[in-house]
Each structure stands twice: as structure tokens, then as C-alpha cells.
């Protein structure tokens, strides 16, 4: 039987664009509730708004 070896393992992540952070911040300042809809996996879908919230609270 042929031997199998794992040569490399890596992951990629798209960063949230600054324009998206600014847009969410502006909408929330106007009193609007922001709802994000995605076709991503549940873990990814939860991470994006958490990242935006962290960045926006760090800028306050």
C-alpha cells in the first residue's frame, strides 16, 4: 500500500472591509438594527459580526 503524507495545511480568511465596518457603525448610530445574511458556515457567519463589533468598540 502507498504511504500518504500531509505536506502542508493552511487556511485563509477574508478580512472585513473597512467600508463595511464604517457602514455598520453609521447605521447603528442612526438607531437602525443591522442584520447580516450569508451563505457561509455557521461559525463563519458568527465571526464576521463579532469582528466588526470588536473593531467598532475599539475605535470608540
Protein backbone atom coordinates (compact mmCIF):
# COMPACT_ATOMS: atom_id res chain seq x y z
CA UNK A 1 0.00 0.00 0.00
CA UNK A 2 1.22 3.51 -0.84
CA UNK A 3 2.23 5.79 2.05
CA UNK A 4 0.30 9.06 2.40
CA UNK A 5 1.91 12.18 3.86
CA UNK A 6 0.48 15.53 4.79
CA UNK A 7 2.80 18.08 3.20
CA UNK A 8 1.08 21.32 4.24
CA UNK A 9 -2.01 22.63 5.91
CA UNK A 10 -3.12 26.25 5.80
CA UNK A 11 -6.23 28.37 5.99
CA UNK A 12 -7.34 31.64 4.50
CA UNK A 13 -9.56 34.33 5.95
CA UNK A 14 -11.08 37.31 4.24
CA UNK A 15 -10.81 40.38 6.41
CA UNK A 16 -13.85 42.56 6.85
CA UNK A 17 -13.51 45.66 4.68
CA UNK A 18 -13.14 48.99 6.44
CA UNK A 19 -16.10 50.33 4.45
CA UNK A 20 -18.29 47.58 5.92
CA UNK A 21 -17.23 48.47 9.45
CA UNK A 22 -17.95 52.15 8.81
CA UNK A 23 -21.34 51.39 7.26
CA UNK A 24 -22.41 49.21 10.18
CA UNK A 25 -21.22 51.84 12.66
CA UNK A 26 -23.14 54.62 10.88
CA UNK A 27 -26.34 52.59 10.67
CA UNK A 28 -26.16 51.70 14.36
CA UNK A 29 -25.52 55.35 15.28
CA UNK A 30 -28.74 56.20 13.42
CA UNK A 31 -30.56 53.69 15.62
CA UNK A 32 -31.00 51.02 12.96
CA UNK A 33 -30.62 47.33 13.71
CA UNK A 34 -28.16 45.71 11.30
CA UNK A 35 -28.94 42.19 10.08
CA UNK A 36 -26.35 40.27 8.09
CA UNK A 37 -27.35 37.41 5.80
CA UNK A 38 -24.73 34.99 4.49
CA UNK A 39 -24.44 31.59 2.90
CA UNK A 40 -21.30 30.80 4.92
CA UNK A 41 -20.99 28.09 7.52
CA UNK A 42 -22.46 28.98 10.93
CA UNK A 43 -19.06 29.53 12.57
CA UNK A 44 -18.01 31.99 9.85
CA UNK A 45 -21.38 33.72 9.90
CA UNK A 46 -20.98 34.38 13.64
CA UNK A 47 -17.37 35.53 13.38
CA UNK A 48 -17.91 38.37 10.89
CA UNK A 49 -20.27 40.49 13.02
CA UNK A 50 -18.16 39.74 16.11
CA UNK A 51 -15.09 41.08 14.30
CA UNK A 52 -16.96 44.21 13.25
CA UNK A 53 -18.21 44.76 16.80
CA UNK A 54 -14.69 44.37 18.23
CA UNK A 55 -13.23 46.83 15.74
CA UNK A 56 -16.01 49.37 16.23
CA UNK A 57 -15.80 49.24 20.02
CA UNK A 58 -12.01 49.62 19.84
CA UNK A 59 -12.43 52.80 17.79
CA UNK A 60 -14.74 54.47 20.35
